Protein backbone atom coordinates (compact mmCIF):
# COMPACT_ATOMS: atom_id res chain seq x y z
CA MET A 1 -72.01 24.66 54.81
CA PRO A 2 -70.49 24.51 51.27
CA GLU A 3 -67.15 25.73 52.64
CA LEU A 4 -67.07 22.89 55.15
CA VAL A 5 -67.89 20.31 52.49
CA ASN A 6 -65.14 21.65 50.19
CA THR A 7 -62.65 21.66 53.06
CA LEU A 8 -63.44 18.04 53.88
CA LYS A 9 -63.11 17.04 50.21
CA ALA A 10 -59.71 18.76 50.03
CA LEU A 11 -58.52 17.00 53.20
CA LYS A 12 -59.69 13.65 51.85
CA LYS A 13 -57.84 14.20 48.55
CA LYS A 14 -54.69 15.30 50.40
CA ASP A 15 -54.81 12.15 52.54
CA TYR A 16 -55.29 10.01 49.43
CA ASP A 17 -52.34 11.69 47.69
CA SER A 18 -50.14 11.03 50.71
CA LYS A 19 -51.14 7.35 50.83
CA LYS A 20 -50.64 7.04 47.06
CA PHE A 21 -47.11 8.43 47.41
CA GLN A 22 -46.30 6.00 50.21
CA ALA A 23 -47.69 3.12 48.16
CA SER A 24 -45.65 4.16 45.11
CA LEU A 25 -42.48 4.04 47.21
CA ALA A 26 -43.34 0.41 47.94
CA GLY A 27 -43.98 -0.24 44.23
CA VAL A 28 -47.76 -0.46 44.49
CA ASP A 29 -50.13 1.44 42.20
CA ILE A 30 -53.42 2.21 43.96
CA GLY A 31 -55.02 4.00 41.01
CA GLU A 32 -56.35 7.48 40.53
CA TYR A 33 -58.39 9.47 43.02
CA GLU A 34 -62.11 9.14 42.39
CA GLU A 35 -64.46 11.59 43.98
CA GLU A 36 -67.65 10.33 45.53
CA LYS A 37 -70.65 9.92 43.30
CA LYS A 38 -73.40 12.53 43.25
CA THR A 39 -74.19 13.67 46.76
CA SER A 40 -77.18 15.65 47.90
CA SER A 41 -76.79 19.25 48.95
CA PHE A 42 -78.24 20.54 52.18
CA ASP A 43 -80.96 22.40 50.25
CA GLU A 44 -82.02 19.23 48.42
CA ILE A 45 -82.23 17.32 51.70
CA GLN A 46 -84.42 20.07 53.19
CA LEU A 47 -86.72 19.93 50.16
CA ARG A 48 -87.09 16.14 50.39
CA ALA A 49 -87.84 16.43 54.11
CA ALA A 50 -90.62 18.91 53.29
CA GLY A 51 -92.08 16.47 50.74
CA ILE A 52 -91.02 18.46 47.67
CA THR A 53 -89.58 16.19 44.98
CA ALA A 54 -88.24 18.95 42.69
CA SER A 55 -84.55 19.84 42.58
CA ALA A 56 -83.34 22.95 44.38
CA ASP A 57 -82.91 24.90 41.12
CA ASP A 58 -86.45 24.18 39.85
CA VAL A 59 -89.24 26.75 40.24
CA VAL A 60 -91.51 24.03 41.66
CA SER A 61 -89.29 23.88 44.75
CA LEU A 62 -90.37 27.41 45.71
CA GLN A 63 -93.22 26.40 48.00
CA GLY A 64 -94.08 27.40 51.55
CA ARG A 65 -91.09 28.40 53.66
CA PHE A 66 -88.73 28.06 50.69
CA ALA A 67 -90.78 30.61 48.68
CA ALA A 68 -90.76 33.03 51.61
CA ASP A 69 -86.98 32.63 51.99
CA ALA A 70 -86.54 33.39 48.28
CA GLY A 71 -88.69 36.53 48.57
CA PHE A 72 -91.81 35.14 46.93
CA GLY A 73 -95.20 34.89 48.53
CA ILE A 74 -98.85 35.69 48.02
CA GLY A 75 -99.07 38.70 45.72
CA ALA A 76 -95.27 38.99 45.46
CA GLY A 77 -94.79 37.51 42.00
CA LEU A 78 -94.04 34.05 40.69
CA GLY A 79 -97.11 33.43 38.55
CA TYR A 80 -96.89 29.65 38.26
CA VAL A 81 -99.53 26.98 37.82
CA LYS A 82 -98.74 23.31 38.41
CA GLU A 83 -100.26 21.13 35.67
């Protein structure tokens, strides 16, 4: 999934650069390329759908299926108490 997102970003920037060049030939300045604001990753969207409000890199996000995917589970480590 990250490869696809990076490919789409690169294509978008390439298209913008082409349009900027065409505009500069006509004497118009369309400004600099600005990437989109903060977007959610696929992992963060999955966490929100599961009702977990922590970010993907926070230990609190390791609950249920996400803990099992990471290799944690009952008796397998991760001594953590939510206060």
